[in-house]
Amino acid sequence: MNIREVQDEIIEEFSIFGEWMDKYNYLIELSNSLPPIDPRYKTNEYLINGCQSKVWLHADLKDNKIIFTADSDAIITKGIVALLIRVMSNRSPGELINTDLYFIDRIGLKQNLSPTRSNGLLAMMKQMKLYAIAFHAKQEKGPA
């Protein structure tokens, strides 16, 4: 599935719920589906600045695809990062640099988060894009 199809699928899933409490419960459910991050990446080096809760994010480049892993000490935040990984993992750096993450507005996520969680969401998205930019620059430069 391409990025648009995954985002559309998420929008469809969230459209089932009428109340935001149900959507929060779904985010909690999604947090349980997030594969565990390697403990060696649960260090300050991989903490995302700007999040009220602790969020660790790691990225690897394999076969020109970025593989993200993450964890959080807050269950709703963990569900949010699980959504971001679902959309952004296994994509080329170029795809991620140029992608518009429209699903966040369409499901009403940013509008229904506290200001600190909303800032955390933006910080997670920014960090994922920065990984993509760094991997893309490394590819452009070529082998040393």
Protein backbone atom coordinates (compact mmCIF):
# COMPACT_ATOMS: atom_id res chain seq x y z
CA MET A 1 0.00 0.00 0.00
CA ASN A 2 1.23 3.50 -0.75
CA ILE A 3 1.21 6.34 1.77
CA ARG A 4 -2.10 7.76 0.53
CA GLU A 5 -3.83 4.38 0.77
CA VAL A 6 -2.60 3.84 4.33
CA GLN A 7 -3.74 7.33 5.37
CA ASP A 8 -7.15 6.77 3.74
CA GLU A 9 -7.45 3.44 5.58
CA ILE A 10 -6.74 5.17 8.92
CA ILE A 11 -9.32 7.89 8.14
CA GLU A 12 -11.85 5.14 7.39
CA GLU A 13 -11.06 3.33 10.66
CA PHE A 14 -11.48 6.50 12.73
CA SER A 15 -14.72 7.44 10.94
CA ILE A 16 -16.42 4.50 12.65
CA PHE A 17 -16.16 6.28 16.00
CA GLY A 18 -18.50 9.18 16.73
CA GLU A 19 -17.07 10.23 20.09
CA TRP A 20 -13.51 11.23 20.82
CA MET A 21 -13.42 8.96 23.89
CA ASP A 22 -13.89 6.03 21.50
CA LYS A 23 -11.07 7.36 19.33
CA TYR A 24 -8.80 7.64 22.39
CA ASN A 25 -9.66 4.04 23.26
CA TYR A 26 -8.74 3.04 19.72
CA LEU A 27 -5.38 4.84 20.09
CA ILE A 28 -4.81 2.87 23.29
CA GLU A 29 -5.63 -0.31 21.39
CA LEU A 30 -3.15 0.67 18.66
CA SER A 31 -0.44 1.22 21.26
CA ASN A 32 -0.59 -2.51 22.01
CA SER A 33 0.21 -3.29 18.36
CA LEU A 34 3.47 -1.31 18.36
CA PRO A 35 6.38 -3.75 18.14
CA PRO A 36 8.87 -3.30 20.97
CA ILE A 37 11.88 -1.07 20.37
CA ASP A 38 15.32 -2.56 20.99
CA PRO A 39 16.24 -1.59 24.58
CA ARG A 40 19.54 -0.10 23.38
CA TYR A 41 17.51 2.69 21.71
CA LYS A 42 15.66 3.63 24.91
CA THR A 43 18.32 6.18 25.77
CA ASN A 44 18.43 9.97 25.86
CA GLU A 45 20.03 9.97 22.41
CA TYR A 46 16.76 8.68 20.89
CA LEU A 47 14.34 10.73 23.01
CA ILE A 48 12.25 13.20 21.03
CA ASN A 49 12.51 16.74 22.32
CA GLY A 50 9.19 18.56 22.58
CA CYS A 51 7.15 15.68 23.95
CA GLN A 52 5.77 15.92 27.46
CA SER A 53 5.93 12.15 27.81
CA LYS A 54 9.01 10.15 26.89
CA VAL A 55 9.10 9.01 23.27
CA TRP A 56 12.03 7.11 21.88
CA LEU A 57 12.35 6.91 18.09
CA HIS A 58 14.91 5.02 16.05
CA ALA A 59 15.27 4.67 12.28
CA ASP A 60 17.26 2.29 10.09
CA LEU A 61 17.64 2.36 6.34
CA LYS A 62 17.30 -1.08 4.73
CA ASP A 63 16.97 -1.60 0.98
CA ASN A 64 16.23 2.13 0.54
CA LYS A 65 13.33 1.93 3.00
CA ILE A 66 13.28 3.62 6.39
CA ILE A 67 12.24 1.31 9.21
CA PHE A 68 11.05 3.16 12.30
CA THR A 69 10.76 1.70 15.78
CA ALA A 70 9.48 3.61 18.79
CA ASP A 71 8.16 3.44 22.30
CA SER A 72 6.59 5.80 24.80
CA ASP A 73 5.89 5.80 28.51
CA ALA A 74 2.40 7.23 27.83
CA ILE A 75 -0.18 4.94 26.29
CA ILE A 76 -2.02 7.48 24.09
CA THR A 77 1.28 8.88 22.84
CA LYS A 78 2.38 5.33 22.07
CA GLY A 79 -0.81 4.89 20.01
CA ILE A 80 -0.08 8.12 18.13
CA VAL A 81 3.47 7.06 17.30
CA ALA A 82 2.10 3.64 16.23
CA LEU A 83 -0.12 5.48 13.69
CA LEU A 84 2.83 7.54 12.42
CA ILE A 85 4.96 4.42 12.02
CA ARG A 86 2.14 2.67 10.19
CA VAL A 87 2.10 5.49 7.63
CA MET A 88 5.81 6.33 7.44
CA SER A 89 7.75 3.12 8.01
CA ASN A 90 8.94 1.05 5.04
CA ARG A 91 9.08 4.11 2.78
CA SER A 92 11.97 5.60 0.84
CA PRO A 93 13.52 8.79 2.19
CA GLY A 94 12.26 10.70 -0.87
CA GLU A 95 8.69 9.55 -0.27
CA LEU A 96 8.75 10.77 3.33
CA ILE A 97 10.36 14.11 2.59
CA ASN A 98 7.60 15.02 0.16
CA THR A 99 4.61 13.42 1.87
CA ASP A 100 1.66 15.33 3.26
CA LEU A 101 0.35 13.70 6.43
CA TYR A 102 -3.25 14.75 5.85
CA PHE A 103 -4.77 11.95 7.94
CA ILE A 104 -3.90 13.82 11.17
CA ASP A 105 -6.28 16.68 10.34
CA ARG A 106 -8.91 14.46 8.74
CA ILE A 107 -9.33 12.28 11.83
CA GLY A 108 -9.28 15.39 14.05
CA LEU A 109 -6.26 14.23 16.00
CA LYS A 110 -4.45 17.54 16.39
CA GLN A 111 -7.63 19.41 17.35
CA ASN A 112 -8.50 16.86 20.05
CA LEU A 113 -5.14 16.65 21.77
CA SER A 114 -3.99 18.79 24.64
CA PRO A 115 -1.53 21.52 23.57
CA THR A 116 1.39 19.55 25.01
CA ARG A 117 0.37 16.34 23.21
CA SER A 118 -0.17 18.32 20.00
CA ASN A 119 3.36 19.73 20.32
CA GLY A 120 4.61 16.19 20.88
CA LEU A 121 2.84 15.00 17.73
CA LEU A 122 4.53 17.75 15.72
CA ALA A 123 7.89 16.88 17.29
CA MET A 124 7.48 13.20 16.34
CA MET A 125 6.57 14.06 12.75
CA LYS A 126 9.49 16.49 12.52
CA GLN A 127 11.96 13.91 13.83
CA MET A 128 10.74 11.29 11.35
CA LYS A 129 11.12 13.77 8.49
CA LEU A 130 14.61 14.71 9.75
CA TYR A 131 15.62 11.04 9.60
CA ALA A 132 14.33 10.93 6.02
CA ILE A 133 16.26 14.08 5.08
CA ALA A 134 19.45 12.70 6.65
CA PHE A 135 19.14 9.33 4.88
CA HIS A 136 18.34 11.07 1.59
CA ALA A 137 21.39 13.35 1.91
CA LYS A 138 23.57 10.34 2.68
CA GLN A 139 22.26 8.58 -0.45
CA GLU A 140 22.89 11.67 -2.61
CA LYS A 141 26.43 11.90 -1.33
CA GLY A 142 27.09 8.26 -2.15
CA PRO A 143 29.69 5.98 -0.60
CA ALA A 144 32.75 7.60 0.94
